């Protein structure tokens, strides 16, 4: 099952896995088995700095997932390693 009912983005990667960004983290669905893997925003799985809301994600040419939350993150899908690429800086008065 999903980690949250509030879905912000769905992506099918080059291997056919379905990635679902939610308000409570990231879920990966294996369509062959019907099983979910959860990447929740908690200290245990090292993605707490993403924040609860994942706004967008894409798969880059190197088969990594790029994820925008509280900053920009890269997920190495094979090993499950997370890398922070940018630092979140709230913008004021941008209009």
C-alpha atoms as a PDB file:
ATOM      1  CA  UNK A   1       0.000   0.000   0.000  1.00  0.00           C
ATOM      2  CA  UNK A   2       1.048   3.614  -0.447  1.00  0.00           C
ATOM      3  CA  UNK A   3       2.691   5.572   2.344  1.00  0.00           C
ATOM      4  CA  UNK A   4       0.183   8.393   1.749  1.00  0.00           C
ATOM      5  CA  UNK A   5      -2.992   8.986  -0.244  1.00  0.00           C
ATOM      6  CA  UNK A   6      -1.687  12.395  -1.366  1.00  0.00           C
ATOM      7  CA  UNK A   7       0.291  11.737  -4.574  1.00  0.00           C
ATOM      8  CA  UNK A   8       2.401  14.489  -6.126  1.00  0.00           C
ATOM      9  CA  UNK A   9       4.077  12.631  -9.016  1.00  0.00           C
ATOM     10  CA  UNK A  10       4.161   9.207 -10.688  1.00  0.00           C
ATOM     11  CA  UNK A  11       7.072   8.030 -12.824  1.00  0.00           C
ATOM     12  CA  UNK A  12       7.758   4.747 -14.627  1.00  0.00           C
ATOM     13  CA  UNK A  13      11.513   4.246 -14.857  1.00  0.00           C
ATOM     14  CA  UNK A  14      13.565   2.541 -17.583  1.00  0.00           C
ATOM     15  CA  UNK A  15      13.312  -0.817 -15.769  1.00  0.00           C
ATOM     16  CA  UNK A  16       9.526  -0.649 -15.486  1.00  0.00           C
ATOM     17  CA  UNK A  17       9.336   0.159 -11.769  1.00  0.00           C
ATOM     18  CA  UNK A  18       6.641   2.643 -10.781  1.00  0.00           C
ATOM     19  CA  UNK A  19       7.852   5.435  -8.486  1.00  0.00           C
ATOM     20  CA  UNK A  20       5.178   7.332  -6.578  1.00  0.00           C
ATOM     21  CA  UNK A  21       6.038  10.586  -4.805  1.00  0.00           C
ATOM     22  CA  UNK A  22       3.711  11.321  -1.901  1.00  0.00           C
ATOM     23  CA  UNK A  23       3.360  13.786   0.917  1.00  0.00           C
ATOM     24  CA  UNK A  24       5.029  11.214   3.201  1.00  0.00           C
ATOM     25  CA  UNK A  25       7.979  10.084   1.099  1.00  0.00           C
ATOM     26  CA  UNK A  26       8.656   7.962  -1.951  1.00  0.00           C
ATOM     27  CA  UNK A  27       7.199   4.554  -2.841  1.00  0.00           C
ATOM     28  CA  UNK A  28       8.465   2.094  -5.468  1.00  0.00           C
ATOM     29  CA  UNK A  29       6.031  -0.451  -6.887  1.00  0.00           C
ATOM     30  CA  UNK A  30       7.291  -3.566  -8.612  1.00  0.00           C
ATOM     31  CA  UNK A  31       4.504  -4.229 -11.130  1.00  0.00           C
ATOM     32  CA  UNK A  32       5.551  -7.875 -11.569  1.00  0.00           C
ATOM     33  CA  UNK A  33       5.216  -8.771  -7.882  1.00  0.00           C
ATOM     34  CA  UNK A  34       2.790  -6.072  -6.732  1.00  0.00           C
ATOM     35  CA  UNK A  35       5.121  -5.310  -3.802  1.00  0.00           C
ATOM     36  CA  UNK A  36       5.962  -1.823  -2.548  1.00  0.00           C
ATOM     37  CA  UNK A  37       9.255  -0.538  -1.227  1.00  0.00           C
ATOM     38  CA  UNK A  38       8.963   2.607   0.886  1.00  0.00           C
ATOM     39  CA  UNK A  39      11.440   5.443   1.231  1.00  0.00           C
ATOM     40  CA  UNK A  40       9.817   7.403   4.032  1.00  0.00           C
ATOM     41  CA  UNK A  41      11.086  10.742   5.243  1.00  0.00           C
ATOM     42  CA  UNK A  42      12.726   9.559   8.448  1.00  0.00           C
ATOM     43  CA  UNK A  43      16.156   9.451  10.025  1.00  0.00           C
ATOM     44  CA  UNK A  44      16.445   5.674   9.593  1.00  0.00           C
ATOM     45  CA  UNK A  45      16.698   5.772   5.808  1.00  0.00           C
ATOM     46  CA  UNK A  46      18.761   8.940   5.414  1.00  0.00           C
ATOM     47  CA  UNK A  47      16.224  10.975   3.448  1.00  0.00           C
ATOM     48  CA  UNK A  48      14.847  13.059   6.295  1.00  0.00           C
ATOM     49  CA  UNK A  49      16.305  16.199   4.699  1.00  0.00           C
ATOM     50  CA  UNK A  50      14.049  15.821   1.653  1.00  0.00           C
ATOM     51  CA  UNK A  51      11.106  16.908   3.769  1.00  0.00           C
ATOM     52  CA  UNK A  52       7.687  15.345   3.730  1.00  0.00           C
ATOM     53  CA  UNK A  53       6.606  16.817   0.410  1.00  0.00           C
ATOM     54  CA  UNK A  54       8.245  15.582  -2.781  1.00  0.00           C
ATOM     55  CA  UNK A  55       7.340  18.017  -5.536  1.00  0.00           C
ATOM     56  CA  UNK A  56       8.870  16.433  -8.611  1.00  0.00           C
ATOM     57  CA  UNK A  57      11.175  13.692  -9.869  1.00  0.00           C
ATOM     58  CA  UNK A  58      12.754  12.567 -13.126  1.00  0.00           C
ATOM     59  CA  UNK A  59      15.078   9.794 -14.248  1.00  0.00           C
ATOM     60  CA  UNK A  60      18.289  11.179 -15.688  1.00  0.00           C
ATOM     61  CA  UNK A  61      20.417   9.708 -18.473  1.00  0.00           C
ATOM     62  CA  UNK A  62      22.508   7.775 -15.945  1.00  0.00           C
ATOM     63  CA  UNK A  63      19.414   5.973 -14.627  1.00  0.00           C
ATOM     64  CA  UNK A  64      19.392   7.880 -11.337  1.00  0.00           C
ATOM     65  CA  UNK A  65      16.237   9.436  -9.927  1.00  0.00           C
ATOM     66  CA  UNK A  66      16.473  13.164  -9.340  1.00  0.00           C
ATOM     67  CA  UNK A  67      14.046  14.208  -6.627  1.00  0.00           C
ATOM     68  CA  UNK A  68      12.989  17.712  -5.632  1.00  0.00           C
ATOM     69  CA  UNK A  69      11.847  18.224  -2.067  1.00  0.00           C
ATOM     70  CA  UNK A  70      13.658  20.418   0.440  1.00  0.00           C
ATOM     71  CA  UNK A  71      16.524  20.643  -2.008  1.00  0.00           C
ATOM     72  CA  UNK A  72      17.559  18.399  -4.876  1.00  0.00           C
ATOM     73  CA  UNK A  73      18.471  14.766  -4.264  1.00  0.00           C
ATOM     74  CA  UNK A  74      19.743  11.896  -6.396  1.00  0.00           C
ATOM     75  CA  UNK A  75      18.807   8.292  -5.683  1.00  0.00           C
ATOM     76  CA  UNK A  76      21.151   5.583  -6.889  1.00  0.00           C
ATOM     77  CA  UNK A  77      18.452   3.008  -7.579  1.00  0.00           C
ATOM     78  CA  UNK A  78      20.601  -0.148  -7.592  1.00  0.00           C
ATOM     79  CA  UNK A  79      22.129   0.433  -4.164  1.00  0.00           C
ATOM     80  CA  UNK A  80      19.513   2.711  -2.618  1.00  0.00           C
ATOM     81  CA  UNK A  81      22.088   5.420  -1.875  1.00  0.00           C
ATOM     82  CA  UNK A  82      20.897   9.029  -1.530  1.00  0.00           C
ATOM     83  CA  UNK A  83      22.960  12.085  -2.428  1.00  0.00           C
ATOM     84  CA  UNK A  84      22.064  15.681  -1.679  1.00  0.00           C
ATOM     85  CA  UNK A  85      22.756  17.895  -4.700  1.00  0.00           C
ATOM     86  CA  UNK A  86      21.390  21.217  -3.543  1.00  0.00           C
ATOM     87  CA  UNK A  87      20.498  23.031  -0.375  1.00  0.00           C
ATOM     88  CA  UNK A  88      16.957  24.198   0.321  1.00  0.00           C
ATOM     89  CA  UNK A  89      16.693  27.952   0.611  1.00  0.00           C
ATOM     90  CA  UNK A  90      13.182  29.359   0.882  1.00  0.00           C
ATOM     91  CA  UNK A  91      12.605  32.309  -1.410  1.00  0.00           C
ATOM     92  CA  UNK A  92      10.798  35.436  -0.251  1.00  0.00           C
ATOM     93  CA  UNK A  93       9.091  37.975  -2.459  1.00  0.00           C
ATOM     94  CA  UNK A  94       9.876  36.236  -5.729  1.00  0.00           C
ATOM     95  CA  UNK A  95       7.000  37.869  -7.576  1.00  0.00           C
END
